[in-house]
Amino acid sequence: PDMDRGFMNRVWKFVGEVDGYEDGVLSITVAKILNLPKKFSDERDEIVDEDARVLLSRTTRVYRDGKRVSASALDDAENVRVQGKMLPTGKWRKDEDDQPVPTIRAKKVYITG
């Protein structure tokens, strides 16, 4: 997909259901992008209700119930809110069918359920 440069350069809040967490990569199904202006509705259509990969680094902060926790807490998470940037489409991870999947570099992850 061709994503708008203005969309790619901003930090967004993505809400999603957790599909799994392994080796610093969180697999989610994106349910919503919070506070998304109407001019980015095409990008929303490309991402919402789709699988995505969330990349966590050593500096990514993970929170549950307002307290900072280790990334291993994501093993038991069902729902998350991810604050991060979308990677350029050329850097997207591939799924098991070798198809590119929207990939987000996380700054913060909030476990919401």
Protein backbone atom coordinates (compact mmCIF):
# COMPACT_ATOMS: atom_id res chain seq x y z
CA PRO A 1 0.00 0.00 0.00
CA ASP A 2 1.01 3.59 -0.61
CA MET A 3 0.98 5.38 2.73
CA ASP A 4 0.89 9.18 3.15
CA ARG A 5 4.27 10.60 4.26
CA GLY A 6 2.56 12.80 6.87
CA PHE A 7 0.97 9.70 8.39
CA MET A 8 4.27 7.81 8.48
CA ASN A 9 6.13 10.63 10.24
CA ARG A 10 3.80 10.87 13.24
CA VAL A 11 3.42 8.95 16.47
CA TRP A 12 -0.04 7.35 16.67
CA LYS A 13 -2.00 5.38 19.24
CA PHE A 14 -3.14 2.01 17.90
CA VAL A 15 -5.66 -0.11 19.82
CA GLY A 16 -5.62 -3.82 19.16
CA GLU A 17 -6.12 -7.40 20.21
CA VAL A 18 -2.98 -9.38 20.98
CA ASP A 19 -2.37 -12.44 18.83
CA GLY A 20 1.00 -13.30 20.34
CA TYR A 21 4.34 -12.04 21.62
CA GLU A 22 7.72 -13.52 20.81
CA ASP A 23 11.30 -12.23 20.65
CA GLY A 24 10.41 -8.54 20.92
CA VAL A 25 7.66 -8.71 18.29
CA LEU A 26 4.03 -8.28 19.32
CA SER A 27 1.43 -9.54 16.83
CA ILE A 28 -1.86 -7.67 17.02
CA THR A 29 -5.05 -7.15 15.09
CA VAL A 30 -5.57 -3.38 14.87
CA ALA A 31 -9.06 -2.36 16.03
CA LYS A 32 -8.70 1.42 15.94
CA ILE A 33 -6.30 4.33 15.52
CA LEU A 34 -7.02 7.01 18.12
CA ASN A 35 -7.36 10.72 17.22
CA LEU A 36 -6.87 10.12 13.51
CA PRO A 37 -7.73 13.18 11.37
CA LYS A 38 -10.12 12.66 8.44
CA LYS A 39 -7.37 13.41 5.93
CA PHE A 40 -5.75 10.09 6.90
CA SER A 41 -8.89 7.97 6.41
CA ASP A 42 -7.24 6.05 3.55
CA GLU A 43 -4.46 4.93 5.89
CA ARG A 44 -7.02 3.89 8.49
CA ASP A 45 -8.72 1.70 5.90
CA GLU A 46 -5.38 0.04 5.10
CA ILE A 47 -4.60 -0.80 8.74
CA VAL A 48 -7.78 -1.19 10.82
CA ASP A 49 -9.05 -4.79 11.09
CA GLU A 50 -5.70 -6.01 9.75
CA ASP A 51 -2.88 -7.91 11.40
CA ALA A 52 0.16 -5.85 12.37
CA ARG A 53 3.52 -6.40 13.96
CA VAL A 54 4.73 -4.17 16.80
CA LEU A 55 8.48 -4.04 17.29
CA LEU A 56 9.67 -3.51 20.85
CA SER A 57 13.20 -2.35 21.65
CA ARG A 58 15.13 -2.07 24.89
CA THR A 59 13.78 1.47 25.28
CA THR A 60 10.11 0.58 24.75
CA ARG A 61 8.13 1.07 27.95
CA VAL A 62 5.34 -1.36 28.84
CA TYR A 63 2.63 -0.47 31.37
CA ARG A 64 -0.16 -2.38 33.11
CA ASP A 65 -2.55 -0.70 35.56
CA GLY A 66 -0.46 2.49 35.47
CA LYS A 67 2.74 0.72 36.54
CA ARG A 68 5.74 -0.07 34.39
CA VAL A 69 6.21 -3.80 33.81
CA SER A 70 8.60 -5.94 31.81
CA ALA A 71 7.82 -6.81 28.20
CA SER A 72 7.24 -10.42 29.29
CA ALA A 73 3.88 -9.25 30.68
CA LEU A 74 2.72 -9.12 27.05
CA ASP A 75 2.63 -12.94 27.04
CA ASP A 76 -0.63 -12.79 29.01
CA ALA A 77 -2.09 -9.63 27.44
CA GLU A 78 -5.32 -9.74 25.45
CA ASN A 79 -5.69 -6.07 24.46
CA VAL A 80 -3.15 -3.27 24.11
CA ARG A 81 -2.81 0.37 23.18
CA VAL A 82 0.43 0.97 21.31
CA GLN A 83 1.99 4.40 20.98
CA GLY A 84 4.41 4.36 18.06
CA LYS A 85 5.31 5.12 14.46
CA MET A 86 4.48 3.13 11.38
CA LEU A 87 7.58 1.92 9.56
CA PRO A 88 7.99 2.64 5.83
CA THR A 89 6.29 -0.05 3.75
CA GLY A 90 9.65 -1.38 2.54
CA LYS A 91 10.57 -2.29 6.14
CA TRP A 92 7.34 -4.10 7.01
CA ARG A 93 7.67 -7.60 8.45
CA LYS A 94 6.29 -10.55 6.52
CA ASP A 95 3.62 -12.95 7.71
CA GLU A 96 3.59 -16.73 7.36
CA ASP A 97 2.36 -16.35 3.74
CA ASP A 98 5.34 -14.09 2.95
CA GLN A 99 3.05 -11.05 2.62
CA PRO A 100 4.12 -7.66 4.08
CA VAL A 101 2.27 -6.77 7.27
CA PRO A 102 1.93 -3.22 8.69
CA THR A 103 4.75 -2.80 11.18
CA ILE A 104 4.87 -0.33 14.06
CA ARG A 105 7.93 0.68 16.08
CA ALA A 106 6.58 1.03 19.63
CA LYS A 107 7.56 3.77 22.05
CA LYS A 108 5.04 2.74 24.73
CA VAL A 109 2.67 -0.20 25.12
CA TYR A 110 -0.24 -0.12 27.56
CA ILE A 111 -1.80 -3.47 28.46
CA THR A 112 -5.52 -2.78 28.66
CA GLY A 113 -6.86 -6.29 29.06
